[in-house]
Structure formats: structure tokens, C-alpha cells
């Protein structure tokens, strides 16, 4: 009798492997067949808002001019070395992130990790270790998973790099969605801690996250990591939003945007 749950679990995994849940394109709904089976159809995959061309030297947002920094980063005092993102946060990218967080589409994280790995390689990152924006135990229980942690693990597999979980979040914070840039920074102050400094000491660290909005979360994490002895800290995100005027709330459908 005790073997029945194990058998049921095995059969469910076998069914998922043979008949994957994603049989239509997650963006346009087109039915997928053969080699096209996956998260996206060929047309939508080609149309993904992959960041190319001129970008801000600090945050990596696409730029429509020859300026070195975007308005968001002109006067940045962040200890973060740089951030690079795979996708611009368009409606398509927003639907992907929303689907992962709230729509039961965690399988999309593998597709995002592939794009982020490409960005890592093309942008010349040289990390000794990856880490990710952590959640408190309560926040993780509420969602059921940490999407940034899964992204980091998937990217690390492809790059054959270690992932550290020694960057932790020690208190719950307000959802970032409705906060201004200044309020976001204050909301996150003192929220993170390194439990074992040796994990990052004298190492080049890359922090993985899903969406870069004002950079407040990555900046606070970078500050904590540098104080713990990290040699350098950079960010690698799935998406980045366009700049919003200082003092305005960044427009987003996502809860707890960074």
C-alpha cells in the first residue's frame, strides 16, 4: 500500500514528460506541434523583446540616443557595478512574468533562463558565484517558490557556476508596486543579510532577479554583499522597465516589483 503514492507520483511525472502542459503558445495561443512544442511558437519567439543595440551603461535599459546613462541612472550612487537584462518589459514580457508568479506557469522560467544565459555571455560577465534576490520564509510560503532562485539555479546549470543561498531576507517588506523610488529604497533598508561572508569574500558576484524597475532591490543587496567582502556585484535580470519620472510610481501588474 505504501508504494501506491510513489507509483502515482512516478506516473504523473511520466505523463508530464510525454504530454507536456504547454501545447499552445503562451503568447498568442497558437497550437504547437512537433519541434515547435514548447512555450512559444516560432513567430512569437522571434518577436520577443530581446534587448539589442544602445543601452544604458549602468542599468542596461534600451536607449534611443547616444547618451551613456539613462535619466534613471544619471545620479545613481549604487555600489552595483552594472545590471543587464534579457528583455525589455513590454506587454509580452509582462504576461510572461505575471504567468510565472500568479498563473502557474513556472515552466517559463527555463525559457527565461536561456535568454538570461545568452545575455550573461554576450555582456562579458565573469562571475565566481551567482546568488539571487531572496524572500523571507513567509513570503516564499505565500507564493510557493522564489522565481529568482529558480532562475539562478537554471542559469548556473548552463554556466557551470555555483549558486549561493547565503544572501537572506530577514524581514518582510511592503509590496514595491505602489512605492516611489525613494520609498522603495527606504522600504528595503536593512531587509537583507549575509549569513556566511566566506561565500562571497573576494569574489565577483552576480545577483539574479526577474524584473529591474528602479534598481532599489539590487542596490540594497549589492550594498550588503560588498560589506560582506564581495569584490564586485552585478545584476542579471530577466526584464527591465522603461524609465519613469522620479517620484512617480512605476506602472506594473506585478506584486512586489523591484
C-alpha atoms as a PDB file:
ATOM      1  CA  UNK A   1       0.000   0.000   0.000  1.00  0.00           C
ATOM      2  CA  UNK A   2       2.828   2.403   0.831  1.00  0.00           C
ATOM      3  CA  UNK A   3       4.145   2.082  -2.707  1.00  0.00           C
ATOM      4  CA  UNK A   4       0.957   3.457  -4.289  1.00  0.00           C
ATOM      5  CA  UNK A   5       1.727   7.165  -3.693  1.00  0.00           C
ATOM      6  CA  UNK A   6       5.219   6.689  -5.149  1.00  0.00           C
ATOM      7  CA  UNK A   7       3.782   4.912  -8.199  1.00  0.00           C
ATOM      8  CA  UNK A   8       1.188   7.646  -8.672  1.00  0.00           C
ATOM      9  CA  UNK A   9       3.884  10.318  -8.441  1.00  0.00           C
ATOM     10  CA  UNK A  10       6.030   8.468 -10.996  1.00  0.00           C
ATOM     11  CA  UNK A  11       3.119   8.119 -13.425  1.00  0.00           C
ATOM     12  CA  UNK A  12       2.261  11.808 -13.096  1.00  0.00           C
ATOM     13  CA  UNK A  13       5.863  12.775 -13.879  1.00  0.00           C
ATOM     14  CA  UNK A  14       5.895  10.375 -16.845  1.00  0.00           C
ATOM     15  CA  UNK A  15       2.670  11.875 -18.169  1.00  0.00           C
ATOM     16  CA  UNK A  16       4.085  15.398 -17.809  1.00  0.00           C
ATOM     17  CA  UNK A  17       7.189  14.380 -19.763  1.00  0.00           C
ATOM     18  CA  UNK A  18       5.287  12.677 -22.590  1.00  0.00           C
ATOM     19  CA  UNK A  19       2.387  15.115 -22.710  1.00  0.00           C
ATOM     20  CA  UNK A  20       3.757  18.500 -21.576  1.00  0.00           C
ATOM     21  CA  UNK A  21       1.248  21.012 -20.262  1.00  0.00           C
ATOM     22  CA  UNK A  22       2.322  23.695 -22.712  1.00  0.00           C
ATOM     23  CA  UNK A  23       0.777  22.637 -26.047  1.00  0.00           C
ATOM     24  CA  UNK A  24      -0.162  26.131 -27.166  1.00  0.00           C
ATOM     25  CA  UNK A  25       1.972  29.240 -27.488  1.00  0.00           C
ATOM     26  CA  UNK A  26       1.912  31.143 -24.213  1.00  0.00           C
ATOM     27  CA  UNK A  27       1.797  34.476 -26.009  1.00  0.00           C
ATOM     28  CA  UNK A  28      -0.555  34.065 -28.973  1.00  0.00           C
ATOM     29  CA  UNK A  29      -2.366  30.805 -28.152  1.00  0.00           C
ATOM     30  CA  UNK A  30      -1.405  29.055 -31.388  1.00  0.00           C
ATOM     31  CA  UNK A  31      -1.402  25.251 -31.120  1.00  0.00           C
ATOM     32  CA  UNK A  32       2.107  23.829 -31.267  1.00  0.00           C
ATOM     33  CA  UNK A  33       3.247  20.626 -32.942  1.00  0.00           C
ATOM     34  CA  UNK A  34       6.447  18.621 -33.338  1.00  0.00           C
ATOM     35  CA  UNK A  35       9.675  20.578 -32.886  1.00  0.00           C
ATOM     36  CA  UNK A  36       7.670  23.684 -32.144  1.00  0.00           C
ATOM     37  CA  UNK A  37       6.299  22.172 -28.924  1.00  0.00           C
ATOM     38  CA  UNK A  38       7.380  24.406 -26.050  1.00  0.00           C
ATOM     39  CA  UNK A  39       6.445  27.728 -24.504  1.00  0.00           C
ATOM     40  CA  UNK A  40       6.302  29.807 -27.696  1.00  0.00           C
ATOM     41  CA  UNK A  41       5.618  29.432 -31.387  1.00  0.00           C
ATOM     42  CA  UNK A  42       8.416  30.341 -33.798  1.00  0.00           C
ATOM     43  CA  UNK A  43       6.842  33.701 -34.649  1.00  0.00           C
ATOM     44  CA  UNK A  44       6.433  34.788 -31.035  1.00  0.00           C
ATOM     45  CA  UNK A  45       9.899  33.579 -30.101  1.00  0.00           C
ATOM     46  CA  UNK A  46      11.357  35.771 -32.848  1.00  0.00           C
ATOM     47  CA  UNK A  47       9.235  38.694 -31.650  1.00  0.00           C
ATOM     48  CA  UNK A  48      10.376  38.522 -28.022  1.00  0.00           C
ATOM     49  CA  UNK A  49      11.562  41.984 -26.880  1.00  0.00           C
ATOM     50  CA  UNK A  50      15.204  40.922 -26.585  1.00  0.00           C
ATOM     51  CA  UNK A  51      17.393  43.907 -25.756  1.00  0.00           C
ATOM     52  CA  UNK A  52      19.796  44.866 -28.520  1.00  0.00           C
ATOM     53  CA  UNK A  53      21.648  47.978 -29.602  1.00  0.00           C
ATOM     54  CA  UNK A  54      22.371  51.033 -27.473  1.00  0.00           C
ATOM     55  CA  UNK A  55      21.749  50.590 -23.745  1.00  0.00           C
ATOM     56  CA  UNK A  56      22.395  52.496 -20.524  1.00  0.00           C
ATOM     57  CA  UNK A  57      25.909  51.660 -19.334  1.00  0.00           C
ATOM     58  CA  UNK A  58      24.636  51.086 -15.799  1.00  0.00           C
ATOM     59  CA  UNK A  59      21.152  49.532 -15.776  1.00  0.00           C
ATOM     60  CA  UNK A  60      21.054  48.134 -19.328  1.00  0.00           C
ATOM     61  CA  UNK A  61      17.766  49.721 -20.423  1.00  0.00           C
ATOM     62  CA  UNK A  62      17.472  50.315 -24.208  1.00  0.00           C
ATOM     63  CA  UNK A  63      18.448  53.867 -25.195  1.00  0.00           C
ATOM     64  CA  UNK A  64      17.194  55.840 -28.158  1.00  0.00           C
ATOM     65  CA  UNK A  65      20.196  58.171 -28.176  1.00  0.00           C
ATOM     66  CA  UNK A  66      23.967  58.217 -27.725  1.00  0.00           C
ATOM     67  CA  UNK A  67      23.922  59.153 -24.031  1.00  0.00           C
ATOM     68  CA  UNK A  68      25.983  56.986 -21.689  1.00  0.00           C
ATOM     69  CA  UNK A  69      23.379  56.787 -18.936  1.00  0.00           C
ATOM     70  CA  UNK A  70      19.591  56.949 -18.869  1.00  0.00           C
ATOM     71  CA  UNK A  71      17.822  59.552 -16.727  1.00  0.00           C
ATOM     72  CA  UNK A  72      17.217  56.913 -14.067  1.00  0.00           C
ATOM     73  CA  UNK A  73      20.939  56.312 -13.611  1.00  0.00           C
ATOM     74  CA  UNK A  74      22.463  59.773 -14.157  1.00  0.00           C
ATOM     75  CA  UNK A  75      22.973  60.366 -10.443  1.00  0.00           C
ATOM     76  CA  UNK A  76      22.985  56.803  -9.156  1.00  0.00           C
ATOM     77  CA  UNK A  77      25.003  56.160  -6.002  1.00  0.00           C
ATOM     78  CA  UNK A  78      24.540  52.401  -6.118  1.00  0.00           C
ATOM     79  CA  UNK A  79      27.513  50.143  -5.368  1.00  0.00           C
ATOM     80  CA  UNK A  80      26.154  47.768  -8.008  1.00  0.00           C
ATOM     81  CA  UNK A  81      28.688  47.591 -10.841  1.00  0.00           C
ATOM     82  CA  UNK A  82      26.049  47.173 -13.557  1.00  0.00           C
ATOM     83  CA  UNK A  83      22.825  45.425 -14.440  1.00  0.00           C
ATOM     84  CA  UNK A  84      21.958  43.710 -17.682  1.00  0.00           C
ATOM     85  CA  UNK A  85      18.539  42.405 -18.697  1.00  0.00           C
ATOM     86  CA  UNK A  86      17.486  39.950 -21.376  1.00  0.00           C
ATOM     87  CA  UNK A  87      14.118  41.513 -22.237  1.00  0.00           C
ATOM     88  CA  UNK A  88      12.511  44.913 -22.293  1.00  0.00           C
ATOM     89  CA  UNK A  89       9.424  44.880 -20.074  1.00  0.00           C
ATOM     90  CA  UNK A  90       6.806  45.086 -22.811  1.00  0.00           C
ATOM     91  CA  UNK A  91       3.277  43.683 -22.611  1.00  0.00           C
ATOM     92  CA  UNK A  92       4.582  40.310 -23.840  1.00  0.00           C
ATOM     93  CA  UNK A  93       7.296  40.149 -21.177  1.00  0.00           C
ATOM     94  CA  UNK A  94       4.840  41.341 -18.535  1.00  0.00           C
ATOM     95  CA  UNK A  95       2.478  38.484 -19.387  1.00  0.00           C
ATOM     96  CA  UNK A  96       5.325  36.009 -19.035  1.00  0.00           C
ATOM     97  CA  UNK A  97       6.366  37.278 -15.605  1.00  0.00           C
ATOM     98  CA  UNK A  98       2.770  37.521 -14.416  1.00  0.00           C
ATOM     99  CA  UNK A  99       2.134  33.972 -15.661  1.00  0.00           C
ATOM    100  CA  UNK A 100       5.123  32.670 -13.715  1.00  0.00           C
ATOM    101  CA  UNK A 101       4.200  34.414 -10.475  1.00  0.00           C
ATOM    102  CA  UNK A 102       0.448  34.095 -10.469  1.00  0.00           C
ATOM    103  CA  UNK A 103      -0.612  31.868 -13.372  1.00  0.00           C
ATOM    104  CA  UNK A 104       1.025  28.540 -12.578  1.00  0.00           C
ATOM    105  CA  UNK A 105       3.497  28.842 -15.468  1.00  0.00           C
ATOM    106  CA  UNK A 106       6.759  28.161 -13.669  1.00  0.00           C
ATOM    107  CA  UNK A 107       7.953  26.235 -16.725  1.00  0.00           C
ATOM    108  CA  UNK A 108       8.522  29.615 -18.420  1.00  0.00           C
ATOM    109  CA  UNK A 109      11.454  30.194 -16.078  1.00  0.00           C
ATOM    110  CA  UNK A 110      13.552  27.762 -18.123  1.00  0.00           C
ATOM    111  CA  UNK A 111      12.937  29.789 -21.279  1.00  0.00           C
ATOM    112  CA  UNK A 112      13.801  32.997 -19.436  1.00  0.00           C
ATOM    113  CA  UNK A 113      16.947  31.387 -18.017  1.00  0.00           C
ATOM    114  CA  UNK A 114      18.133  30.515 -21.531  1.00  0.00           C
ATOM    115  CA  UNK A 115      17.712  34.142 -22.616  1.00  0.00           C
ATOM    116  CA  UNK A 116      19.458  35.389 -19.481  1.00  0.00           C
ATOM    117  CA  UNK A 117      22.355  32.989 -20.020  1.00  0.00           C
ATOM    118  CA  UNK A 118      22.773  34.404 -23.522  1.00  0.00           C
ATOM    119  CA  UNK A 119      22.821  37.904 -22.024  1.00  0.00           C
ATOM    120  CA  UNK A 120      25.406  36.864 -19.430  1.00  0.00           C
ATOM    121  CA  UNK A 121      27.709  35.547 -22.147  1.00  0.00           C
ATOM    122  CA  UNK A 122      27.219  38.389 -24.623  1.00  0.00           C
ATOM    123  CA  UNK A 123      27.744  41.076 -21.956  1.00  0.00           C
ATOM    124  CA  UNK A 124      31.035  39.622 -20.732  1.00  0.00           C
ATOM    125  CA  UNK A 125      30.084  38.735 -17.159  1.00  0.00           C
ATOM    126  CA  UNK A 126      32.793  36.881 -15.220  1.00  0.00           C
ATOM    127  CA  UNK A 127      31.164  35.714 -12.001  1.00  0.00           C
ATOM    128  CA  UNK A 128      32.715  33.476  -9.389  1.00  0.00           C
ATOM    129  CA  UNK A 129      29.319  32.799  -7.849  1.00  0.00           C
ATOM    130  CA  UNK A 130      25.658  33.523  -8.533  1.00  0.00           C
ATOM    131  CA  UNK A 131      23.097  34.464  -5.931  1.00  0.00           C
ATOM    132  CA  UNK A 132      19.536  35.763  -6.134  1.00  0.00           C
ATOM    133  CA  UNK A 133      17.155  38.230  -4.535  1.00  0.00           C
ATOM    134  CA  UNK A 134      15.839  36.266  -1.546  1.00  0.00           C
ATOM    135  CA  UNK A 135      12.427  36.118   0.085  1.00  0.00           C
ATOM    136  CA  UNK A 136      11.595  35.715   3.748  1.00  0.00           C
ATOM    137  CA  UNK A 137      10.281  32.241   4.656  1.00  0.00           C
ATOM    138  CA  UNK A 138       6.789  33.744   4.971  1.00  0.00           C
ATOM    139  CA  UNK A 139       6.974  35.381   1.533  1.00  0.00           C
ATOM    140  CA  UNK A 140       8.185  32.152  -0.050  1.00  0.00           C
ATOM    141  CA  UNK A 141       5.439  30.118   1.613  1.00  0.00           C
ATOM    142  CA  UNK A 142       2.857  32.604   0.380  1.00  0.00           C
ATOM    143  CA  UNK A 143       3.966  32.283  -3.249  1.00  0.00           C
ATOM    144  CA  UNK A 144       5.150  28.702  -3.048  1.00  0.00           C
ATOM    145  CA  UNK A 145       8.505  29.388  -4.687  1.00  0.00           C
ATOM    146  CA  UNK A 146      11.089  32.089  -5.359  1.00  0.00           C
ATOM    147  CA  UNK A 147      11.256  32.747  -9.102  1.00  0.00           C
ATOM    148  CA  UNK A 148      14.646  34.476  -8.784  1.00  0.00           C
ATOM    149  CA  UNK A 149      16.101  31.433  -7.031  1.00  0.00           C
ATOM    150  CA  UNK A 150      14.863  29.108  -9.780  1.00  0.00           C
ATOM    151  CA  UNK A 151      16.258  31.413 -12.471  1.00  0.00           C
ATOM    152  CA  UNK A 152      19.653  31.473 -10.736  1.00  0.00           C
ATOM    153  CA  UNK A 153      19.738  27.680 -10.484  1.00  0.00           C
ATOM    154  CA  UNK A 154      18.812  27.237 -14.157  1.00  0.00           C
ATOM    155  CA  UNK A 155      21.422  29.774 -15.292  1.00  0.00           C
ATOM    156  CA  UNK A 156      24.073  28.225 -13.046  1.00  0.00           C
ATOM    157  CA  UNK A 157      23.484  24.802 -14.624  1.00  0.00           C
ATOM    158  CA  UNK A 158      24.175  26.239 -18.054  1.00  0.00           C
ATOM    159  CA  UNK A 159      27.245  28.197 -16.958  1.00  0.00           C
ATOM    160  CA  UNK A 160      28.553  25.543 -14.542  1.00  0.00           C
ATOM    161  CA  UNK A 161      28.732  28.092 -11.730  1.00  0.00           C
ATOM    162  CA  UNK A 162      27.864  27.712  -8.040  1.00  0.00           C
ATOM    163  CA  UNK A 163      24.750  29.329  -6.568  1.00  0.00           C
ATOM    164  CA  UNK A 164      24.864  30.646  -3.017  1.00  0.00           C
ATOM    165  CA  UNK A 165      21.845  30.939  -0.733  1.00  0.00           C
ATOM    166  CA  UNK A 166      23.807  32.853   1.915  1.00  0.00           C
ATOM    167  CA  UNK A 167      22.130  36.147   0.981  1.00  0.00           C
ATOM    168  CA  UNK A 168      18.927  36.113   3.021  1.00  0.00           C
ATOM    169  CA  UNK A 169      15.961  38.370   3.675  1.00  0.00           C
ATOM    170  CA  UNK A 170      15.375  38.890   7.384  1.00  0.00           C
ATOM    171  CA  UNK A 171      12.127  40.838   7.435  1.00  0.00           C
ATOM    172  CA  UNK A 172       9.002  41.167   5.344  1.00  0.00           C
ATOM    173  CA  UNK A 173       8.675  44.354   3.315  1.00  0.00           C
ATOM    174  CA  UNK A 174       5.806  46.215   1.707  1.00  0.00           C
ATOM    175  CA  UNK A 175       4.986  45.371  -1.900  1.00  0.00           C
ATOM    176  CA  UNK A 176       7.121  47.669  -4.065  1.00  0.00           C
ATOM    177  CA  UNK A 177       4.438  48.139  -6.714  1.00  0.00           C
ATOM    178  CA  UNK A 178       2.898  51.366  -5.404  1.00  0.00           C
ATOM    179  CA  UNK A 179       6.039  52.940  -3.940  1.00  0.00           C
ATOM    180  CA  UNK A 180       8.145  55.736  -5.404  1.00  0.00           C
ATOM    181  CA  UNK A 181      11.868  55.183  -5.965  1.00  0.00           C
ATOM    182  CA  UNK A 182      12.688  56.910  -2.659  1.00  0.00           C
ATOM    183  CA  UNK A 183      10.076  54.883  -0.788  1.00  0.00           C
ATOM    184  CA  UNK A 184      11.366  51.642  -2.313  1.00  0.00           C
ATOM    185  CA  UNK A 185      14.875  52.306  -1.044  1.00  0.00           C
ATOM    186  CA  UNK A 186      13.596  53.081   2.468  1.00  0.00           C
ATOM    187  CA  UNK A 187      11.341  50.025   2.408  1.00  0.00           C
ATOM    188  CA  UNK A 188      14.291  47.710   1.739  1.00  0.00           C
ATOM    189  CA  UNK A 189      16.849  49.245   4.083  1.00  0.00           C
ATOM    190  CA  UNK A 190      18.115  46.607   6.493  1.00  0.00           C
ATOM    191  CA  UNK A 191      15.986  43.854   4.941  1.00  0.00           C
ATOM    192  CA  UNK A 192      18.881  41.667   3.743  1.00  0.00           C
ATOM    193  CA  UNK A 193      21.758  39.906   5.468  1.00  0.00           C
ATOM    194  CA  UNK A 194      24.654  37.651   4.514  1.00  0.00           C
ATOM    195  CA  UNK A 195      24.720  34.600   6.783  1.00  0.00           C
ATOM    196  CA  UNK A 196      28.177  33.396   5.717  1.00  0.00           C
ATOM    197  CA  UNK A 197      30.552  36.107   4.396  1.00  0.00           C
ATOM    198  CA  UNK A 198      33.044  33.483   3.180  1.00  0.00           C
ATOM    199  CA  UNK A 199      30.565  32.578   0.427  1.00  0.00           C
ATOM    200  CA  UNK A 200      31.209  35.956  -1.222  1.00  0.00           C
ATOM    201  CA  UNK A 201      34.516  37.222   0.166  1.00  0.00           C
ATOM    202  CA  UNK A 202      36.862  38.462  -2.599  1.00  0.00           C
ATOM    203  CA  UNK A 203      34.507  37.088  -5.260  1.00  0.00           C
ATOM    204  CA  UNK A 204      32.793  38.616  -8.279  1.00  0.00           C
ATOM    205  CA  UNK A 205      29.100  38.107  -7.582  1.00  0.00           C
ATOM    206  CA  UNK A 206      26.111  38.282  -9.930  1.00  0.00           C
ATOM    207  CA  UNK A 207      22.649  38.705  -8.390  1.00  0.00           C
ATOM    208  CA  UNK A 208      19.751  37.222 -10.367  1.00  0.00           C
ATOM    209  CA  UNK A 209      16.249  38.725 -10.307  1.00  0.00           C
ATOM    210  CA  UNK A 210      13.157  38.792 -12.504  1.00  0.00           C
ATOM    211  CA  UNK A 211      12.403  42.497 -13.108  1.00  0.00           C
ATOM    212  CA  UNK A 212      14.504  45.653 -12.733  1.00  0.00           C
ATOM    213  CA  UNK A 213      12.342  48.722 -12.095  1.00  0.00           C
ATOM    214  CA  UNK A 214      14.194  51.353 -10.053  1.00  0.00           C
ATOM    215  CA  UNK A 215      17.101  49.124  -9.067  1.00  0.00           C
ATOM    216  CA  UNK A 216      16.376  49.604  -5.353  1.00  0.00           C
ATOM    217  CA  UNK A 217      16.342  45.886  -4.538  1.00  0.00           C
ATOM    218  CA  UNK A 218      19.551  45.042  -6.377  1.00  0.00           C
ATOM    219  CA  UNK A 219      21.278  48.120  -4.951  1.00  0.00           C
ATOM    220  CA  UNK A 220      20.396  47.166  -1.382  1.00  0.00           C
ATOM    221  CA  UNK A 221      21.515  43.569  -1.959  1.00  0.00           C
ATOM    222  CA  UNK A 222      24.752  44.778  -3.561  1.00  0.00           C
ATOM    223  CA  UNK A 223      25.483  47.026  -0.595  1.00  0.00           C
ATOM    224  CA  UNK A 224      25.061  44.128   1.831  1.00  0.00           C
ATOM    225  CA  UNK A 225      27.241  41.851  -0.308  1.00  0.00           C
ATOM    226  CA  UNK A 226      30.026  44.419  -0.622  1.00  0.00           C
ATOM    227  CA  UNK A 227      30.030  44.956   3.147  1.00  0.00           C
ATOM    228  CA  UNK A 228      30.370  41.173   3.483  1.00  0.00           C
ATOM    229  CA  UNK A 229      33.541  41.300   1.382  1.00  0.00           C
ATOM    230  CA  UNK A 230      32.404  40.720  -2.210  1.00  0.00           C
ATOM    231  CA  UNK A 231      34.937  42.006  -4.733  1.00  0.00           C
ATOM    232  CA  UNK A 232      32.235  43.222  -7.132  1.00  0.00           C
ATOM    233  CA  UNK A 233      28.486  42.836  -7.512  1.00  0.00           C
ATOM    234  CA  UNK A 234      26.496  42.994 -10.755  1.00  0.00           C
ATOM    235  CA  UNK A 235      22.871  42.292 -11.575  1.00  0.00           C
ATOM    236  CA  UNK A 236      21.330  39.986 -14.177  1.00  0.00           C
ATOM    237  CA  UNK A 237      17.577  40.307 -14.662  1.00  0.00           C
ATOM    238  CA  UNK A 238      15.035  38.733 -16.952  1.00  0.00           C
ATOM    239  CA  UNK A 239      13.415  42.092 -17.770  1.00  0.00           C
ATOM    240  CA  UNK A 240      13.876  45.812 -17.283  1.00  0.00           C
ATOM    241  CA  UNK A 241      11.223  48.520 -17.298  1.00  0.00           C
ATOM    242  CA  UNK A 242      11.500  51.798 -19.123  1.00  0.00           C
ATOM    243  CA  UNK A 243      12.411  54.796 -17.007  1.00  0.00           C
ATOM    244  CA  UNK A 244       9.629  56.588 -15.158  1.00  0.00           C
ATOM    245  CA  UNK A 245       9.836  60.187 -13.969  1.00  0.00           C
ATOM    246  CA  UNK A 246      11.294  60.489 -10.468  1.00  0.00           C
ATOM    247  CA  UNK A 247       8.580  60.464  -7.832  1.00  0.00           C
ATOM    248  CA  UNK A 248       6.075  58.584  -9.982  1.00  0.00           C
ATOM    249  CA  UNK A 249       5.030  55.023  -9.285  1.00  0.00           C
ATOM    250  CA  UNK A 250       6.349  52.621 -11.906  1.00  0.00           C
ATOM    251  CA  UNK A 251       3.450  51.103 -13.815  1.00  0.00           C
ATOM    252  CA  UNK A 252       3.297  47.367 -13.352  1.00  0.00           C
ATOM    253  CA  UNK A 253       0.934  44.455 -12.892  1.00  0.00           C
ATOM    254  CA  UNK A 254       3.396  42.664 -10.658  1.00  0.00           C
ATOM    255  CA  UNK A 255       3.218  42.449  -6.912  1.00  0.00           C
ATOM    256  CA  UNK A 256       6.456  43.364  -5.183  1.00  0.00           C
ATOM    257  CA  UNK A 257       8.261  44.680  -8.247  1.00  0.00           C
ATOM    258  CA  UNK A 258      11.891  45.710  -7.688  1.00  0.00           C
END
